[in-house]
Amino acid sequence: MTNKILFIIDKLELKYFEYNKLVTDFWLIKEFLDRKEEVYISTIDKLGLEKTKPYCNCAKAFSEKNEIFYDKNFEKKFINDFDMLLFRPDPPVDLDYINATYILDFADKEKTLFLNDTKAIRNFNEKLHTDLFYDLMPENIVTASKSEIQEFLEIHKELILKPLNNCFGSGVMYLKQGDKNTTSIIKTMTNNETKVIMVQKYIPLAENGDKRVLMLNGEVYDECVMKLPTKDDFKFNNHSMDYIKKAVLTKSEKEKFTPVAKKLHEMGLTCAGLDVIDEKIIEINITSPCFFINEINTYFSINLEKRIIDTLQLMLKEKTKLKI
């Protein structure tokens, strides 16, 4: 039986949809199409509600010569016409993003499998809610207070300051005790103490990069990559093979992070990616986690997308059994 799959992707990703092998969705969509599933794509601005039924204007995807494309004629379809919805727009989690999740609250999630569950995404901040696993994190505070940040800086000497709703390292700052710009950095990050941010103790091994640990359906994958700082920054900000290398998941990490994967799955956050330094979680990506499929396939000589789609199809099969 053919399944109908809907991807809600980022607007920028739609603009550069074809040939973009760096994007996780490229590989997932292509693998679904190779298995003769029907795949449609849409964006959050194309969602709507009609007589309490959520719908989207969407385009049908297709593949040719090992590439993916989409029909430029968008058509209206109700969300519950689909067997599975993969909700993968990028942050910032702004009002438009939140409103999209509100619209999707009207869908019958017994009929359509949501990955990730949009209500769970809305209720989970990728920075702040990492504190649910505080014992696995670097020490941190969440505050808008200049004095509290300064006190934390006195204790730890080096800090990382993060806005709560951005992605790909956007707006993240490094702060060292004695920096002459300390006050300016804190005021800018907190918008003069009106904007709450996360402040983490800096981990010295960050200079070697952070590891992306992949999670799906409560399982932690052994394959992972290290994301390296660029030449002009203290963090990874350039999705290029020059700044990504093969990494190894340690036995200790597997033991520590498997309960995290299971807990997230129970929360409706089936697809996730941890950013890890020195076995400490610095962030949990659940909005549109990048699985670095192109790089992992290259480094490990596998086809990761096949394993992922095997899991998603199995989840669909199990959901179908529950409906009968």
C-alpha atoms as a PDB file:
ATOM      1  CA  MET A   1       0.000   0.000   0.000  1.00  0.00           C
ATOM      2  CA  THR A   2       1.349   3.429  -0.955  1.00  0.00           C
ATOM      3  CA  ASN A   3       1.623   5.949   1.859  1.00  0.00           C
ATOM      4  CA  LYS A   4       1.119   9.691   1.446  1.00  0.00           C
ATOM      5  CA  ILE A   5       3.874  11.675   3.138  1.00  0.00           C
ATOM      6  CA  LEU A   6       3.889  15.430   3.766  1.00  0.00           C
ATOM      7  CA  PHE A   7       7.064  17.389   4.539  1.00  0.00           C
ATOM      8  CA  ILE A   8       6.601  20.878   6.012  1.00  0.00           C
ATOM      9  CA  ILE A   9      10.009  22.330   5.160  1.00  0.00           C
ATOM     10  CA  ASP A  10      11.717  25.660   5.632  1.00  0.00           C
ATOM     11  CA  LYS A  11      10.921  28.439   3.137  1.00  0.00           C
ATOM     12  CA  LEU A  12      14.616  28.829   2.305  1.00  0.00           C
ATOM     13  CA  GLU A  13      14.860  25.089   1.686  1.00  0.00           C
ATOM     14  CA  LEU A  14      11.932  25.289  -0.718  1.00  0.00           C
ATOM     15  CA  LYS A  15      13.738  28.020  -2.637  1.00  0.00           C
ATOM     16  CA  TYR A  16      16.786  25.781  -3.107  1.00  0.00           C
ATOM     17  CA  PHE A  17      14.920  22.464  -3.104  1.00  0.00           C
ATOM     18  CA  GLU A  18      16.585  20.675  -5.999  1.00  0.00           C
ATOM     19  CA  TYR A  19      20.087  19.194  -5.746  1.00  0.00           C
ATOM     20  CA  ASN A  20      20.584  20.166  -2.095  1.00  0.00           C
ATOM     21  CA  LYS A  21      22.319  17.040  -0.793  1.00  0.00           C
ATOM     22  CA  LEU A  22      23.474  18.808   2.377  1.00  0.00           C
ATOM     23  CA  VAL A  23      19.878  18.923   3.614  1.00  0.00           C
ATOM     24  CA  THR A  24      18.503  15.948   5.555  1.00  0.00           C
ATOM     25  CA  ASP A  25      15.116  16.261   3.841  1.00  0.00           C
ATOM     26  CA  PHE A  26      16.694  15.710   0.405  1.00  0.00           C
ATOM     27  CA  TRP A  27      17.768  12.195   1.396  1.00  0.00           C
ATOM     28  CA  LEU A  28      14.545  11.311   3.201  1.00  0.00           C
ATOM     29  CA  ILE A  29      12.328  12.541   0.373  1.00  0.00           C
ATOM     30  CA  LYS A  30      14.428  10.774  -2.248  1.00  0.00           C
ATOM     31  CA  GLU A  31      14.369   7.485  -0.330  1.00  0.00           C
ATOM     32  CA  PHE A  32      10.596   7.694   0.147  1.00  0.00           C
ATOM     33  CA  LEU A  33      10.216   8.334  -3.594  1.00  0.00           C
ATOM     34  CA  ASP A  34      12.546   5.445  -4.442  1.00  0.00           C
ATOM     35  CA  ARG A  35      10.192   3.226  -2.428  1.00  0.00           C
ATOM     36  CA  LYS A  36       7.226   4.482  -4.476  1.00  0.00           C
ATOM     37  CA  GLU A  37       5.650   6.477  -1.674  1.00  0.00           C
ATOM     38  CA  GLU A  38       3.743   9.667  -2.540  1.00  0.00           C
ATOM     39  CA  VAL A  39       5.600  12.700  -1.191  1.00  0.00           C
ATOM     40  CA  TYR A  40       4.341  16.284  -0.974  1.00  0.00           C
ATOM     41  CA  ILE A  41       6.079  19.412   0.322  1.00  0.00           C
ATOM     42  CA  SER A  42       4.780  22.620   1.855  1.00  0.00           C
ATOM     43  CA  THR A  43       5.821  25.481   4.163  1.00  0.00           C
ATOM     44  CA  ILE A  44       4.220  27.019   7.253  1.00  0.00           C
ATOM     45  CA  ASP A  45       2.878  30.042   5.349  1.00  0.00           C
ATOM     46  CA  LYS A  46       0.852  27.638   3.198  1.00  0.00           C
ATOM     47  CA  LEU A  47      -1.065  26.159   6.137  1.00  0.00           C
ATOM     48  CA  GLY A  48      -4.672  27.053   6.835  1.00  0.00           C
ATOM     49  CA  LEU A  49      -7.890  26.067   8.620  1.00  0.00           C
ATOM     50  CA  GLU A  50     -11.271  25.451   6.993  1.00  0.00           C
ATOM     51  CA  LYS A  51     -14.291  24.541   9.131  1.00  0.00           C
ATOM     52  CA  THR A  52     -11.858  23.406  11.847  1.00  0.00           C
ATOM     53  CA  LYS A  53      -9.974  21.161   9.408  1.00  0.00           C
ATOM     54  CA  PRO A  54      -6.281  22.004   8.870  1.00  0.00           C
ATOM     55  CA  TYR A  55      -5.022  22.001   5.308  1.00  0.00           C
ATOM     56  CA  CYS A  56      -1.991  23.033   3.297  1.00  0.00           C
ATOM     57  CA  ASN A  57      -1.231  24.119  -0.219  1.00  0.00           C
ATOM     58  CA  CYS A  58       1.386  21.623  -1.248  1.00  0.00           C
ATOM     59  CA  ALA A  59       3.403  20.423  -4.225  1.00  0.00           C
ATOM     60  CA  LYS A  60       4.066  16.857  -5.267  1.00  0.00           C
ATOM     61  CA  ALA A  61       7.710  15.804  -5.244  1.00  0.00           C
ATOM     62  CA  PHE A  62       9.266  13.493  -7.821  1.00  0.00           C
ATOM     63  CA  SER A  63      12.712  12.186  -8.704  1.00  0.00           C
ATOM     64  CA  GLU A  64      14.609  12.049 -11.954  1.00  0.00           C
ATOM     65  CA  LYS A  65      18.179  10.920 -12.617  1.00  0.00           C
ATOM     66  CA  ASN A  66      18.958  10.592  -8.904  1.00  0.00           C
ATOM     67  CA  GLU A  67      17.749  14.114  -8.093  1.00  0.00           C
ATOM     68  CA  ILE A  68      14.495  15.410  -6.581  1.00  0.00           C
ATOM     69  CA  PHE A  69      12.136  18.071  -7.922  1.00  0.00           C
ATOM     70  CA  TYR A  70       8.614  19.273  -7.255  1.00  0.00           C
ATOM     71  CA  ASP A  71       5.613  20.195  -9.366  1.00  0.00           C
ATOM     72  CA  LYS A  72       5.318  23.985  -9.241  1.00  0.00           C
ATOM     73  CA  ASN A  73       1.501  23.768  -9.265  1.00  0.00           C
ATOM     74  CA  PHE A  74       0.524  23.749  -5.592  1.00  0.00           C
ATOM     75  CA  GLU A  75      -2.732  22.034  -4.643  1.00  0.00           C
ATOM     76  CA  LYS A  76      -4.892  22.158  -1.533  1.00  0.00           C
ATOM     77  CA  LYS A  77      -4.950  19.027   0.627  1.00  0.00           C
ATOM     78  CA  PHE A  78      -6.202  18.427   4.149  1.00  0.00           C
ATOM     79  CA  ILE A  79      -3.597  17.360   6.684  1.00  0.00           C
ATOM     80  CA  ASN A  80      -5.462  14.196   7.560  1.00  0.00           C
ATOM     81  CA  ASP A  81      -5.293  13.110   3.910  1.00  0.00           C
ATOM     82  CA  PHE A  82      -1.679  12.195   4.729  1.00  0.00           C
ATOM     83  CA  ASP A  83      -0.419   9.123   6.547  1.00  0.00           C
ATOM     84  CA  MET A  84       2.648  10.901   7.896  1.00  0.00           C
ATOM     85  CA  LEU A  85       3.670  14.532   8.406  1.00  0.00           C
ATOM     86  CA  LEU A  86       7.288  15.510   8.968  1.00  0.00           C
ATOM     87  CA  PHE A  87       7.304  19.012  10.473  1.00  0.00           C
ATOM     88  CA  ARG A  88      10.773  20.428   9.729  1.00  0.00           C
ATOM     89  CA  PRO A  89      10.862  24.233   9.365  1.00  0.00           C
ATOM     90  CA  ASP A  90      13.974  25.826  10.845  1.00  0.00           C
ATOM     91  CA  PRO A  91      13.922  28.220  13.792  1.00  0.00           C
ATOM     92  CA  PRO A  92      13.558  30.959  14.853  1.00  0.00           C
ATOM     93  CA  VAL A  93      10.530  29.694  16.729  1.00  0.00           C
ATOM     94  CA  ASP A  94       8.689  32.961  16.218  1.00  0.00           C
ATOM     95  CA  LEU A  95       4.976  33.806  16.199  1.00  0.00           C
ATOM     96  CA  ASP A  96       4.504  32.456  12.653  1.00  0.00           C
ATOM     97  CA  TYR A  97       6.104  29.184  13.694  1.00  0.00           C
ATOM     98  CA  ILE A  98       3.934  28.958  16.821  1.00  0.00           C
ATOM     99  CA  ASN A  99       0.770  29.773  14.853  1.00  0.00           C
ATOM    100  CA  ALA A 100       1.581  26.924  12.454  1.00  0.00           C
ATOM    101  CA  THR A 101       1.662  24.513  15.392  1.00  0.00           C
ATOM    102  CA  TYR A 102      -1.683  25.894  16.581  1.00  0.00           C
ATOM    103  CA  ILE A 103      -3.245  25.164  13.184  1.00  0.00           C
ATOM    104  CA  LEU A 104      -1.898  21.619  13.298  1.00  0.00           C
ATOM    105  CA  ASP A 105      -3.445  21.113  16.753  1.00  0.00           C
ATOM    106  CA  PHE A 106      -6.722  20.696  14.865  1.00  0.00           C
ATOM    107  CA  ALA A 107      -5.441  17.622  13.009  1.00  0.00           C
ATOM    108  CA  ASP A 108      -6.466  14.154  14.146  1.00  0.00           C
ATOM    109  CA  LYS A 109      -3.137  12.655  15.186  1.00  0.00           C
ATOM    110  CA  GLU A 110      -4.703   9.225  15.397  1.00  0.00           C
ATOM    111  CA  LYS A 111      -5.062   9.372  11.615  1.00  0.00           C
ATOM    112  CA  THR A 112      -1.770  11.053  10.727  1.00  0.00           C
ATOM    113  CA  LEU A 113       1.615  10.260  12.267  1.00  0.00           C
ATOM    114  CA  PHE A 114       3.453  13.492  13.189  1.00  0.00           C
ATOM    115  CA  LEU A 115       7.252  13.625  13.368  1.00  0.00           C
ATOM    116  CA  ASN A 116       7.966  15.474  15.478  1.00  0.00           C
ATOM    117  CA  ASP A 117       4.683  16.072  17.268  1.00  0.00           C
ATOM    118  CA  THR A 118       4.032  19.786  16.773  1.00  0.00           C
ATOM    119  CA  LYS A 119       2.607  20.325  20.250  1.00  0.00           C
ATOM    120  CA  ALA A 120       5.700  18.661  21.726  1.00  0.00           C
ATOM    121  CA  ILE A 121       7.942  20.917  19.610  1.00  0.00           C
ATOM    122  CA  ARG A 122       6.040  23.989  20.802  1.00  0.00           C
ATOM    123  CA  ASN A 123       6.439  22.886  24.422  1.00  0.00           C
ATOM    124  CA  PHE A 124      10.186  22.206  24.146  1.00  0.00           C
ATOM    125  CA  ASN A 125      12.814  24.902  23.771  1.00  0.00           C
ATOM    126  CA  GLU A 126      15.999  23.480  22.260  1.00  0.00           C
ATOM    127  CA  LYS A 127      18.228  25.390  24.681  1.00  0.00           C
ATOM    128  CA  LEU A 128      16.163  25.842  27.823  1.00  0.00           C
ATOM    129  CA  HIS A 129      14.563  22.389  28.020  1.00  0.00           C
ATOM    130  CA  THR A 130      17.924  20.704  27.681  1.00  0.00           C
ATOM    131  CA  ASP A 131      17.931  21.368  31.431  1.00  0.00           C
ATOM    132  CA  LEU A 132      15.544  18.411  31.748  1.00  0.00           C
ATOM    133  CA  PHE A 133      18.808  16.464  31.543  1.00  0.00           C
ATOM    134  CA  TYR A 134      20.801  18.883  33.715  1.00  0.00           C
ATOM    135  CA  ASP A 135      23.150  16.221  35.085  1.00  0.00           C
ATOM    136  CA  LEU A 136      24.338  15.608  31.507  1.00  0.00           C
ATOM    137  CA  MET A 137      24.911  19.305  30.734  1.00  0.00           C
ATOM    138  CA  PRO A 138      27.611  21.869  31.473  1.00  0.00           C
ATOM    139  CA  GLU A 139      26.579  24.037  34.435  1.00  0.00           C
ATOM    140  CA  ASN A 140      24.276  26.834  33.283  1.00  0.00           C
ATOM    141  CA  ILE A 141      21.761  29.496  34.216  1.00  0.00           C
ATOM    142  CA  VAL A 142      18.818  30.969  32.301  1.00  0.00           C
ATOM    143  CA  THR A 143      18.375  34.665  33.018  1.00  0.00           C
ATOM    144  CA  ALA A 144      18.169  38.228  31.689  1.00  0.00           C
ATOM    145  CA  SER A 145      19.975  39.667  34.712  1.00  0.00           C
ATOM    146  CA  LYS A 146      23.314  41.385  34.087  1.00  0.00           C
ATOM    147  CA  SER A 147      24.410  40.911  37.701  1.00  0.00           C
ATOM    148  CA  GLU A 148      23.591  37.191  37.673  1.00  0.00           C
ATOM    149  CA  ILE A 149      25.558  36.690  34.466  1.00  0.00           C
ATOM    150  CA  GLN A 150      28.494  38.634  35.902  1.00  0.00           C
ATOM    151  CA  GLU A 151      28.423  36.505  39.070  1.00  0.00           C
ATOM    152  CA  PHE A 152      28.364  33.353  36.938  1.00  0.00           C
ATOM    153  CA  LEU A 153      31.315  34.727  34.944  1.00  0.00           C
ATOM    154  CA  GLU A 154      33.252  35.338  38.190  1.00  0.00           C
ATOM    155  CA  ILE A 155      32.816  31.663  39.077  1.00  0.00           C
ATOM    156  CA  HIS A 156      33.510  30.028  35.704  1.00  0.00           C
ATOM    157  CA  LYS A 157      35.805  32.573  33.967  1.00  0.00           C
ATOM    158  CA  GLU A 158      34.601  31.611  30.459  1.00  0.00           C
ATOM    159  CA  LEU A 159      30.971  31.457  29.287  1.00  0.00           C
ATOM    160  CA  ILE A 160      28.802  30.766  26.263  1.00  0.00           C
ATOM    161  CA  LEU A 161      25.726  33.038  25.905  1.00  0.00           C
ATOM    162  CA  LYS A 162      22.842  31.761  23.773  1.00  0.00           C
ATOM    163  CA  PRO A 163      19.577  33.286  22.554  1.00  0.00           C
ATOM    164  CA  LEU A 164      16.789  30.772  23.153  1.00  0.00           C
ATOM    165  CA  ASN A 165      15.101  30.605  19.751  1.00  0.00           C
ATOM    166  CA  ASN A 166      17.745  30.711  17.026  1.00  0.00           C
ATOM    167  CA  CYS A 167      19.538  27.898  15.195  1.00  0.00           C
ATOM    168  CA  PHE A 168      22.874  27.047  13.574  1.00  0.00           C
ATOM    169  CA  GLY A 169      24.799  29.012  16.197  1.00  0.00           C
ATOM    170  CA  SER A 170      23.101  32.283  15.297  1.00  0.00           C
ATOM    171  CA  GLY A 171      23.680  34.944  17.945  1.00  0.00           C
ATOM    172  CA  VAL A 172      25.761  32.681  20.219  1.00  0.00           C
ATOM    173  CA  MET A 173      28.584  34.567  21.970  1.00  0.00           C
ATOM    174  CA  TYR A 174      31.716  33.590  23.882  1.00  0.00           C
ATOM    175  CA  LEU A 175      32.579  35.712  26.930  1.00  0.00           C
ATOM    176  CA  LYS A 176      35.806  35.591  28.949  1.00  0.00           C
ATOM    177  CA  GLN A 177      36.399  37.224  32.306  1.00  0.00           C
ATOM    178  CA  GLY A 178      38.216  40.529  31.850  1.00  0.00           C
ATOM    179  CA  ASP A 179      36.850  41.177  28.352  1.00  0.00           C
ATOM    180  CA  LYS A 180      36.505  44.939  27.990  1.00  0.00           C
ATOM    181  CA  ASN A 181      33.237  44.411  26.107  1.00  0.00           C
ATOM    182  CA  THR A 182      31.626  42.385  28.916  1.00  0.00           C
ATOM    183  CA  THR A 183      28.908  44.917  29.715  1.00  0.00           C
ATOM    184  CA  SER A 184      28.152  45.576  26.038  1.00  0.00           C
ATOM    185  CA  ILE A 185      27.938  41.851  25.253  1.00  0.00           C
ATOM    186  CA  ILE A 186      25.589  41.156  28.160  1.00  0.00           C
ATOM    187  CA  LYS A 187      23.381  44.155  27.362  1.00  0.00           C
ATOM    188  CA  THR A 188      23.233  43.235  23.678  1.00  0.00           C
ATOM    189  CA  MET A 189      22.440  39.570  24.337  1.00  0.00           C
ATOM    190  CA  THR A 190      19.737  40.372  26.902  1.00  0.00           C
ATOM    191  CA  ASN A 191      18.426  43.466  25.108  1.00  0.00           C
ATOM    192  CA  ASN A 192      19.201  45.572  28.192  1.00  0.00           C
ATOM    193  CA  GLU A 193      18.069  42.878  30.644  1.00  0.00           C
ATOM    194  CA  THR A 194      14.665  42.359  29.007  1.00  0.00           C
ATOM    195  CA  LYS A 195      15.409  39.124  27.123  1.00  0.00           C
ATOM    196  CA  VAL A 196      16.076  35.814  28.854  1.00  0.00           C
ATOM    197  CA  ILE A 197      19.064  33.856  27.521  1.00  0.00           C
ATOM    198  CA  MET A 198      20.932  30.665  28.391  1.00  0.00           C
ATOM    199  CA  VAL A 199      24.393  31.090  29.897  1.00  0.00           C
ATOM    200  CA  GLN A 200      26.586  27.979  29.917  1.00  0.00           C
ATOM    201  CA  LYS A 201      29.965  27.274  31.442  1.00  0.00           C
ATOM    202  CA  TYR A 202      32.464  27.090  28.576  1.00  0.00           C
ATOM    203  CA  ILE A 203      33.944  23.647  27.907  1.00  0.00           C
ATOM    204  CA  PRO A 204      37.605  23.960  26.797  1.00  0.00           C
ATOM    205  CA  LEU A 205      37.321  20.957  24.454  1.00  0.00           C
ATOM    206  CA  ALA A 206      34.902  23.070  22.384  1.00  0.00           C
ATOM    207  CA  GLU A 207      37.946  24.192  20.426  1.00  0.00           C
ATOM    208  CA  ASN A 208      37.939  20.678  18.906  1.00  0.00           C
ATOM    209  CA  GLY A 209      34.281  20.997  17.839  1.00  0.00           C
ATOM    210  CA  ASP A 210      30.999  19.478  19.004  1.00  0.00           C
ATOM    211  CA  LYS A 211      29.650  16.054  18.205  1.00  0.00           C
ATOM    212  CA  ARG A 212      26.217  15.522  16.611  1.00  0.00           C
ATOM    213  CA  VAL A 213      24.576  12.452  18.166  1.00  0.00           C
ATOM    214  CA  LEU A 214      21.564  11.168  16.227  1.00  0.00           C
ATOM    215  CA  MET A 215      18.360   9.821  17.759  1.00  0.00           C
ATOM    216  CA  LEU A 216      15.304   8.250  16.181  1.00  0.00           C
ATOM    217  CA  ASN A 217      12.400   6.355  17.716  1.00  0.00           C
ATOM    218  CA  GLY A 218      14.152   6.063  21.089  1.00  0.00           C
ATOM    219  CA  GLU A 219      17.377   4.716  19.583  1.00  0.00           C
ATOM    220  CA  VAL A 220      20.830   6.333  19.613  1.00  0.00           C
ATOM    221  CA  TYR A 221      22.783   5.848  16.383  1.00  0.00           C
ATOM    222  CA  ASP A 222      26.422   4.808  16.575  1.00  0.00           C
ATOM    223  CA  GLU A 223      27.352   6.903  13.534  1.00  0.00           C
ATOM    224  CA  CYS A 224      28.069  10.545  14.275  1.00  0.00           C
ATOM    225  CA  VAL A 225      30.105  13.523  13.103  1.00  0.00           C
ATOM    226  CA  MET A 226      32.200  16.224  14.707  1.00  0.00           C
ATOM    227  CA  LYS A 227      31.308  19.790  13.696  1.00  0.00           C
ATOM    228  CA  LEU A 228      34.422  21.937  13.717  1.00  0.00           C
ATOM    229  CA  PRO A 229      34.839  25.637  14.490  1.00  0.00           C
ATOM    230  CA  THR A 230      35.578  27.742  11.431  1.00  0.00           C
ATOM    231  CA  LYS A 231      38.770  29.755  11.047  1.00  0.00           C
ATOM    232  CA  ASP A 232      37.049  33.000  12.012  1.00  0.00           C
ATOM    233  CA  ASP A 233      34.722  31.756  14.770  1.00  0.00           C
ATOM    234  CA  PHE A 234      34.777  29.686  17.976  1.00  0.00           C
ATOM    235  CA  LYS A 235      31.913  27.511  16.715  1.00  0.00           C
ATOM    236  CA  PHE A 236      30.675  25.554  13.697  1.00  0.00           C
ATOM    237  CA  ASN A 237      28.850  27.877  11.275  1.00  0.00           C
ATOM    238  CA  ASN A 238      29.662  26.538   7.813  1.00  0.00           C
ATOM    239  CA  HIS A 239      27.991  23.328   6.601  1.00  0.00           C
ATOM    240  CA  SER A 240      30.907  22.140   4.490  1.00  0.00           C
ATOM    241  CA  MET A 241      32.966  18.939   4.479  1.00  0.00           C
ATOM    242  CA  ASP A 242      35.931  21.139   5.419  1.00  0.00           C
ATOM    243  CA  TYR A 243      34.382  21.625   8.857  1.00  0.00           C
ATOM    244  CA  ILE A 244      32.853  18.192   9.443  1.00  0.00           C
ATOM    245  CA  LYS A 245      34.786  15.053  10.287  1.00  0.00           C
ATOM    246  CA  LYS A 246      34.021  11.471  11.260  1.00  0.00           C
ATOM    247  CA  ALA A 247      33.423  10.886  14.963  1.00  0.00           C
ATOM    248  CA  VAL A 248      32.955   7.883  17.211  1.00  0.00           C
ATOM    249  CA  LEU A 249      30.165   7.436  19.737  1.00  0.00           C
ATOM    250  CA  THR A 250      31.747   6.109  22.920  1.00  0.00           C
ATOM    251  CA  LYS A 251      30.258   3.327  25.042  1.00  0.00           C
ATOM    252  CA  SER A 252      29.820   5.861  27.846  1.00  0.00           C
ATOM    253  CA  GLU A 253      27.921   8.264  25.566  1.00  0.00           C
ATOM    254  CA  LYS A 254      25.667   5.458  24.351  1.00  0.00           C
ATOM    255  CA  GLU A 255      24.807   4.548  27.947  1.00  0.00           C
ATOM    256  CA  LYS A 256      24.225   8.158  28.975  1.00  0.00           C
ATOM    257  CA  PHE A 257      22.192   9.245  25.958  1.00  0.00           C
ATOM    258  CA  THR A 258      19.944   6.211  25.391  1.00  0.00           C
ATOM    259  CA  PRO A 259      17.638   7.241  28.293  1.00  0.00           C
ATOM    260  CA  VAL A 260      17.529  10.740  26.743  1.00  0.00           C
ATOM    261  CA  ALA A 261      16.431   9.277  23.396  1.00  0.00           C
ATOM    262  CA  LYS A 262      13.732   7.199  25.076  1.00  0.00           C
ATOM    263  CA  LYS A 263      12.452  10.148  27.132  1.00  0.00           C
ATOM    264  CA  LEU A 264      12.302  12.430  24.083  1.00  0.00           C
ATOM    265  CA  HIS A 265      10.449   9.740  22.112  1.00  0.00           C
ATOM    266  CA  GLU A 266       7.901   9.426  24.929  1.00  0.00           C
ATOM    267  CA  MET A 267       7.404  13.205  24.735  1.00  0.00           C
ATOM    268  CA  GLY A 268       6.609  13.011  20.996  1.00  0.00           C
ATOM    269  CA  LEU A 269      10.107  14.146  19.972  1.00  0.00           C
ATOM    270  CA  THR A 270      11.002  11.035  18.012  1.00  0.00           C
ATOM    271  CA  CYS A 271      13.611  12.647  15.763  1.00  0.00           C
ATOM    272  CA  ALA A 272      16.375  14.523  17.603  1.00  0.00           C
ATOM    273  CA  GLY A 273      20.027  15.450  17.442  1.00  0.00           C
ATOM    274  CA  LEU A 274      22.213  16.157  20.447  1.00  0.00           C
ATOM    275  CA  ASP A 275      25.125  18.573  20.287  1.00  0.00           C
ATOM    276  CA  VAL A 276      27.761  17.148  22.610  1.00  0.00           C
ATOM    277  CA  ILE A 277      31.162  18.312  23.912  1.00  0.00           C
ATOM    278  CA  ASP A 278      33.219  16.145  26.276  1.00  0.00           C
ATOM    279  CA  GLU A 279      30.162  13.899  26.846  1.00  0.00           C
ATOM    280  CA  LYS A 280      28.100  16.939  27.920  1.00  0.00           C
ATOM    281  CA  ILE A 281      24.908  17.915  26.073  1.00  0.00           C
ATOM    282  CA  ILE A 282      25.037  21.575  25.084  1.00  0.00           C
ATOM    283  CA  GLU A 283      21.808  21.572  23.042  1.00  0.00           C
ATOM    284  CA  ILE A 284      18.992  19.274  21.876  1.00  0.00           C
ATOM    285  CA  ASN A 285      17.840  19.824  18.289  1.00  0.00           C
ATOM    286  CA  ILE A 286      14.196  18.827  17.772  1.00  0.00           C
ATOM    287  CA  THR A 287      12.770  21.364  15.284  1.00  0.00           C
ATOM    288  CA  SER A 288      14.573  20.264  12.101  1.00  0.00           C
ATOM    289  CA  PRO A 289      17.547  18.215  13.302  1.00  0.00           C
ATOM    290  CA  CYS A 290      20.217  17.765  10.663  1.00  0.00           C
ATOM    291  CA  PHE A 291      21.291  14.126  10.417  1.00  0.00           C
ATOM    292  CA  PHE A 292      24.350  14.914   8.245  1.00  0.00           C
ATOM    293  CA  ILE A 293      23.352  12.026   5.984  1.00  0.00           C
ATOM    294  CA  ASN A 294      25.645  12.998   3.112  1.00  0.00           C
ATOM    295  CA  GLU A 295      28.676  13.145   5.404  1.00  0.00           C
ATOM    296  CA  ILE A 296      27.841  10.025   7.421  1.00  0.00           C
ATOM    297  CA  ASN A 297      27.286   8.019   4.248  1.00  0.00           C
ATOM    298  CA  THR A 298      30.692   9.144   3.018  1.00  0.00           C
ATOM    299  CA  TYR A 299      32.583   8.521   6.254  1.00  0.00           C
ATOM    300  CA  PHE A 300      30.942   5.210   7.226  1.00  0.00           C
ATOM    301  CA  SER A 301      30.221   3.769   3.742  1.00  0.00           C
ATOM    302  CA  ILE A 302      26.542   3.251   4.548  1.00  0.00           C
ATOM    303  CA  ASN A 303      23.166   4.507   3.343  1.00  0.00           C
ATOM    304  CA  LEU A 304      21.803   6.080   6.498  1.00  0.00           C
ATOM    305  CA  GLU A 305      18.642   7.289   4.762  1.00  0.00           C
ATOM    306  CA  LYS A 306      17.596   3.680   4.158  1.00  0.00           C
ATOM    307  CA  ARG A 307      17.801   2.837   7.855  1.00  0.00           C
ATOM    308  CA  ILE A 308      15.850   5.986   8.751  1.00  0.00           C
ATOM    309  CA  ILE A 309      13.080   5.272   6.254  1.00  0.00           C
ATOM    310  CA  ASP A 310      12.962   1.625   7.366  1.00  0.00           C
ATOM    311  CA  THR A 311      12.195   2.942  10.861  1.00  0.00           C
ATOM    312  CA  LEU A 312       9.620   5.487   9.671  1.00  0.00           C
ATOM    313  CA  GLN A 313       7.808   2.898   7.555  1.00  0.00           C
ATOM    314  CA  LEU A 314       7.798   0.497  10.500  1.00  0.00           C
ATOM    315  CA  MET A 315       6.290   3.221  12.679  1.00  0.00           C
ATOM    316  CA  LEU A 316       3.609   3.803  10.057  1.00  0.00           C
ATOM    317  CA  LYS A 317       2.894   0.086   9.906  1.00  0.00           C
ATOM    318  CA  GLU A 318       2.541  -0.101  13.684  1.00  0.00           C
ATOM    319  CA  LYS A 319       0.223   2.927  13.675  1.00  0.00           C
ATOM    320  CA  THR A 320      -1.911   1.319  10.963  1.00  0.00           C
ATOM    321  CA  LYS A 321      -2.249  -1.840  13.094  1.00  0.00           C
ATOM    322  CA  LEU A 322      -3.470   0.253  16.021  1.00  0.00           C
ATOM    323  CA  LYS A 323      -6.173   1.824  13.830  1.00  0.00           C
ATOM    324  CA  ILE A 324      -7.590  -1.542  12.764  1.00  0.00           C
END
